[in-house]
Amino acid sequence: MKRAEVLAYTAGIIDGEGSIQITRTKRKDSYNGVALEMRVLVGNTKEWLCQWLKMQFGGSVSVWKSQKPNWNPCYVWQLRGQKASEFLGTIKPFLQLKGEQADLAIQFEKGKNESSTYILREAQRILMRSMNTKRVKV
């Protein structure tokens, strides 16, 4: 595959199976013991897909095994922080559905270097959460 094809294919995976998140994490060295972190995830029952993403872009792969006997294990590929921001910047031209989330995530990550206030970063987290909420239109 050519590089542009890899990026377009990957953007399709992110649009369909991926998640762009800003989450709270507990850390002693942060504001009130809570830090905010940006990450990109893809969850899938096909391990090869997550391993392929790891080979192409780095990150990590973990496995979640359900307590339900008939369910397949779910593999999760993940990138965090600056690496996630760089990844999103690379695939952004190819995203069809999650371009706004990618823009917000990149802006969030840049804010770390510009010493944004915790309140602004928390507002970005809440906005991202609302962008990720599935809404049913009647």
C-alpha atoms as a PDB file:
ATOM      1  CA  MET A   1       0.000   0.000   0.000  1.00  0.00           C
ATOM      2  CA  LYS A   2       1.160   3.543  -0.703  1.00  0.00           C
ATOM      3  CA  ARG A   3       1.399   5.925   2.259  1.00  0.00           C
ATOM      4  CA  ALA A   4      -1.700   7.919   1.192  1.00  0.00           C
ATOM      5  CA  GLU A   5      -3.669   4.667   0.949  1.00  0.00           C
ATOM      6  CA  VAL A   6      -2.515   3.624   4.432  1.00  0.00           C
ATOM      7  CA  LEU A   7      -3.583   7.007   5.856  1.00  0.00           C
ATOM      8  CA  ALA A   8      -6.969   6.906   4.093  1.00  0.00           C
ATOM      9  CA  TYR A   9      -7.582   3.322   5.275  1.00  0.00           C
ATOM     10  CA  THR A  10      -6.571   4.251   8.817  1.00  0.00           C
ATOM     11  CA  ALA A  11      -8.865   7.305   8.811  1.00  0.00           C
ATOM     12  CA  GLY A  12     -11.712   5.000   7.814  1.00  0.00           C
ATOM     13  CA  ILE A  13     -10.901   2.745  10.755  1.00  0.00           C
ATOM     14  CA  ILE A  14     -10.897   5.734  13.123  1.00  0.00           C
ATOM     15  CA  ASP A  15     -14.166   7.058  11.669  1.00  0.00           C
ATOM     16  CA  GLY A  16     -15.835   3.657  12.013  1.00  0.00           C
ATOM     17  CA  GLU A  17     -14.222   1.804  14.908  1.00  0.00           C
ATOM     18  CA  GLY A  18     -12.167   4.458  16.674  1.00  0.00           C
ATOM     19  CA  SER A  19     -12.634   6.832  19.541  1.00  0.00           C
ATOM     20  CA  ILE A  20     -10.952  10.178  20.219  1.00  0.00           C
ATOM     21  CA  GLN A  21     -11.169  10.990  23.919  1.00  0.00           C
ATOM     22  CA  ILE A  22     -10.118  13.483  26.539  1.00  0.00           C
ATOM     23  CA  THR A  23     -10.285  11.693  29.872  1.00  0.00           C
ATOM     24  CA  ARG A  24      -9.539  12.317  33.517  1.00  0.00           C
ATOM     25  CA  THR A  25      -6.704  10.387  35.129  1.00  0.00           C
ATOM     26  CA  LYS A  26      -5.494  10.395  38.704  1.00  0.00           C
ATOM     27  CA  ARG A  27      -2.013  11.819  39.249  1.00  0.00           C
ATOM     28  CA  LYS A  28      -0.410  13.232  42.375  1.00  0.00           C
ATOM     29  CA  ASP A  29       1.496  15.931  40.470  1.00  0.00           C
ATOM     30  CA  SER A  30      -1.609  17.507  38.937  1.00  0.00           C
ATOM     31  CA  TYR A  31      -4.435  19.912  39.775  1.00  0.00           C
ATOM     32  CA  ASN A  32      -6.332  18.418  42.750  1.00  0.00           C
ATOM     33  CA  GLY A  33      -4.836  15.017  41.917  1.00  0.00           C
ATOM     34  CA  VAL A  34      -6.656  14.896  38.559  1.00  0.00           C
ATOM     35  CA  ALA A  35      -4.979  15.213  35.180  1.00  0.00           C
ATOM     36  CA  LEU A  36      -6.556  15.353  31.747  1.00  0.00           C
ATOM     37  CA  GLU A  37      -5.230  13.212  28.934  1.00  0.00           C
ATOM     38  CA  MET A  38      -6.041  12.890  25.244  1.00  0.00           C
ATOM     39  CA  ARG A  39      -6.025   9.492  23.584  1.00  0.00           C
ATOM     40  CA  VAL A  40      -7.056   7.706  20.420  1.00  0.00           C
ATOM     41  CA  LEU A  41      -8.394   4.148  20.643  1.00  0.00           C
ATOM     42  CA  VAL A  42      -9.569   1.431  18.299  1.00  0.00           C
ATOM     43  CA  GLY A  43     -11.338  -1.586  19.713  1.00  0.00           C
ATOM     44  CA  ASN A  44     -11.926  -4.672  17.583  1.00  0.00           C
ATOM     45  CA  THR A  45     -12.235  -8.433  17.914  1.00  0.00           C
ATOM     46  CA  LYS A  46      -9.594  -8.850  15.200  1.00  0.00           C
ATOM     47  CA  GLU A  47      -6.178  -8.766  16.848  1.00  0.00           C
ATOM     48  CA  TRP A  48      -4.405  -8.340  13.506  1.00  0.00           C
ATOM     49  CA  LEU A  49      -6.066  -4.938  12.971  1.00  0.00           C
ATOM     50  CA  CYS A  50      -4.800  -3.554  16.284  1.00  0.00           C
ATOM     51  CA  GLN A  51      -1.341  -5.041  15.733  1.00  0.00           C
ATOM     52  CA  TRP A  52      -1.257  -3.514  12.235  1.00  0.00           C
ATOM     53  CA  LEU A  53      -2.079  -0.082  13.690  1.00  0.00           C
ATOM     54  CA  LYS A  54       0.689  -0.530  16.253  1.00  0.00           C
ATOM     55  CA  MET A  55       3.188  -1.466  13.510  1.00  0.00           C
ATOM     56  CA  GLN A  56       2.205   1.554  11.416  1.00  0.00           C
ATOM     57  CA  PHE A  57       1.866   4.249  14.104  1.00  0.00           C
ATOM     58  CA  GLY A  58       3.222   2.937  17.423  1.00  0.00           C
ATOM     59  CA  GLY A  59       1.190   2.859  20.601  1.00  0.00           C
ATOM     60  CA  SER A  60       0.099  -0.189  22.540  1.00  0.00           C
ATOM     61  CA  VAL A  61      -2.309  -3.101  22.192  1.00  0.00           C
ATOM     62  CA  SER A  62      -4.155  -4.660  25.097  1.00  0.00           C
ATOM     63  CA  VAL A  63      -6.832  -7.331  25.309  1.00  0.00           C
ATOM     64  CA  TRP A  64     -10.136  -7.298  27.168  1.00  0.00           C
ATOM     65  CA  LYS A  65     -11.724 -10.672  27.805  1.00  0.00           C
ATOM     66  CA  SER A  66     -15.419 -10.677  28.563  1.00  0.00           C
ATOM     67  CA  GLN A  67     -17.011 -12.689  31.341  1.00  0.00           C
ATOM     68  CA  LYS A  68     -19.625 -13.787  28.787  1.00  0.00           C
ATOM     69  CA  PRO A  69     -18.627 -17.219  27.458  1.00  0.00           C
ATOM     70  CA  ASN A  70     -19.827 -16.617  23.887  1.00  0.00           C
ATOM     71  CA  TRP A  71     -18.082 -13.269  23.427  1.00  0.00           C
ATOM     72  CA  ASN A  72     -14.773 -12.963  21.602  1.00  0.00           C
ATOM     73  CA  PRO A  73     -11.924 -11.065  23.251  1.00  0.00           C
ATOM     74  CA  CYS A  74     -11.690  -7.392  22.295  1.00  0.00           C
ATOM     75  CA  TYR A  75      -8.304  -5.963  21.338  1.00  0.00           C
ATOM     76  CA  VAL A  76      -7.630  -2.278  21.926  1.00  0.00           C
ATOM     77  CA  TRP A  77      -4.969  -0.220  20.159  1.00  0.00           C
ATOM     78  CA  GLN A  78      -4.173   3.065  21.885  1.00  0.00           C
ATOM     79  CA  LEU A  79      -2.087   6.193  21.416  1.00  0.00           C
ATOM     80  CA  ARG A  80      -1.811   8.924  24.048  1.00  0.00           C
ATOM     81  CA  GLY A  81      -0.746  12.543  24.335  1.00  0.00           C
ATOM     82  CA  GLN A  82       1.611  14.079  21.798  1.00  0.00           C
ATOM     83  CA  LYS A  83       1.887  10.876  19.729  1.00  0.00           C
ATOM     84  CA  ALA A  84      -1.902  10.778  19.436  1.00  0.00           C
ATOM     85  CA  SER A  85      -1.954  14.440  18.405  1.00  0.00           C
ATOM     86  CA  GLU A  86       0.681  13.872  15.716  1.00  0.00           C
ATOM     87  CA  PHE A  87      -1.223  10.818  14.480  1.00  0.00           C
ATOM     88  CA  LEU A  88      -4.472  12.777  14.219  1.00  0.00           C
ATOM     89  CA  GLY A  89      -2.692  15.573  12.361  1.00  0.00           C
ATOM     90  CA  THR A  90      -1.435  13.011   9.857  1.00  0.00           C
ATOM     91  CA  ILE A  91      -4.808  11.365   9.146  1.00  0.00           C
ATOM     92  CA  LYS A  92      -6.940  14.526   9.530  1.00  0.00           C
ATOM     93  CA  PRO A  93      -7.217  15.242   5.764  1.00  0.00           C
ATOM     94  CA  PHE A  94      -8.738  11.779   5.280  1.00  0.00           C
ATOM     95  CA  LEU A  95     -11.257  11.805   8.164  1.00  0.00           C
ATOM     96  CA  GLN A  96     -14.886  12.019   7.056  1.00  0.00           C
ATOM     97  CA  LEU A  97     -16.765  11.858  10.375  1.00  0.00           C
ATOM     98  CA  LYS A  98     -14.392  12.713  13.196  1.00  0.00           C
ATOM     99  CA  GLY A  99     -12.571  15.754  11.832  1.00  0.00           C
ATOM    100  CA  GLU A 100     -14.015  18.091  14.484  1.00  0.00           C
ATOM    101  CA  GLN A 101     -13.010  15.730  17.278  1.00  0.00           C
ATOM    102  CA  ALA A 102      -9.507  15.521  15.799  1.00  0.00           C
ATOM    103  CA  ASP A 103      -9.269  19.329  15.667  1.00  0.00           C
ATOM    104  CA  LEU A 104     -10.370  19.632  19.300  1.00  0.00           C
ATOM    105  CA  ALA A 105      -7.955  16.894  20.418  1.00  0.00           C
ATOM    106  CA  ILE A 106      -5.024  18.538  18.614  1.00  0.00           C
ATOM    107  CA  GLN A 107      -5.953  21.923  20.128  1.00  0.00           C
ATOM    108  CA  PHE A 108      -6.192  20.294  23.574  1.00  0.00           C
ATOM    109  CA  GLU A 109      -2.737  18.758  23.268  1.00  0.00           C
ATOM    110  CA  LYS A 110      -1.214  22.061  22.073  1.00  0.00           C
ATOM    111  CA  GLY A 111      -2.704  23.708  25.166  1.00  0.00           C
ATOM    112  CA  LYS A 112      -0.400  21.646  27.377  1.00  0.00           C
ATOM    113  CA  ASN A 113       2.584  23.525  25.971  1.00  0.00           C
ATOM    114  CA  GLU A 114       0.833  26.885  26.199  1.00  0.00           C
ATOM    115  CA  SER A 115      -0.045  26.374  29.875  1.00  0.00           C
ATOM    116  CA  SER A 116      -3.814  26.498  29.391  1.00  0.00           C
ATOM    117  CA  THR A 117      -5.821  26.698  32.556  1.00  0.00           C
ATOM    118  CA  TYR A 118      -7.319  23.542  33.987  1.00  0.00           C
ATOM    119  CA  ILE A 119     -10.790  25.046  33.570  1.00  0.00           C
ATOM    120  CA  LEU A 120     -10.287  25.563  29.814  1.00  0.00           C
ATOM    121  CA  ARG A 121      -8.961  22.031  29.435  1.00  0.00           C
ATOM    122  CA  GLU A 122     -11.898  20.638  31.421  1.00  0.00           C
ATOM    123  CA  ALA A 123     -14.281  22.536  29.127  1.00  0.00           C
ATOM    124  CA  GLN A 124     -12.557  20.899  26.152  1.00  0.00           C
ATOM    125  CA  ARG A 125     -13.035  17.494  27.811  1.00  0.00           C
ATOM    126  CA  ILE A 126     -16.753  18.150  28.288  1.00  0.00           C
ATOM    127  CA  LEU A 127     -17.096  19.351  24.692  1.00  0.00           C
ATOM    128  CA  MET A 128     -15.329  16.219  23.400  1.00  0.00           C
ATOM    129  CA  ARG A 129     -17.620  14.061  25.498  1.00  0.00           C
ATOM    130  CA  SER A 130     -20.686  15.729  23.993  1.00  0.00           C
ATOM    131  CA  MET A 131     -19.251  15.292  20.479  1.00  0.00           C
ATOM    132  CA  ASN A 132     -18.793  11.569  21.151  1.00  0.00           C
ATOM    133  CA  THR A 133     -22.316  11.044  22.498  1.00  0.00           C
ATOM    134  CA  LYS A 134     -24.496   9.184  20.048  1.00  0.00           C
ATOM    135  CA  ARG A 135     -27.705  11.064  19.429  1.00  0.00           C
ATOM    136  CA  VAL A 136     -30.822   9.585  17.933  1.00  0.00           C
ATOM    137  CA  LYS A 137     -32.717  12.014  15.702  1.00  0.00           C
ATOM    138  CA  VAL A 138     -36.481  11.575  15.574  1.00  0.00           C
END
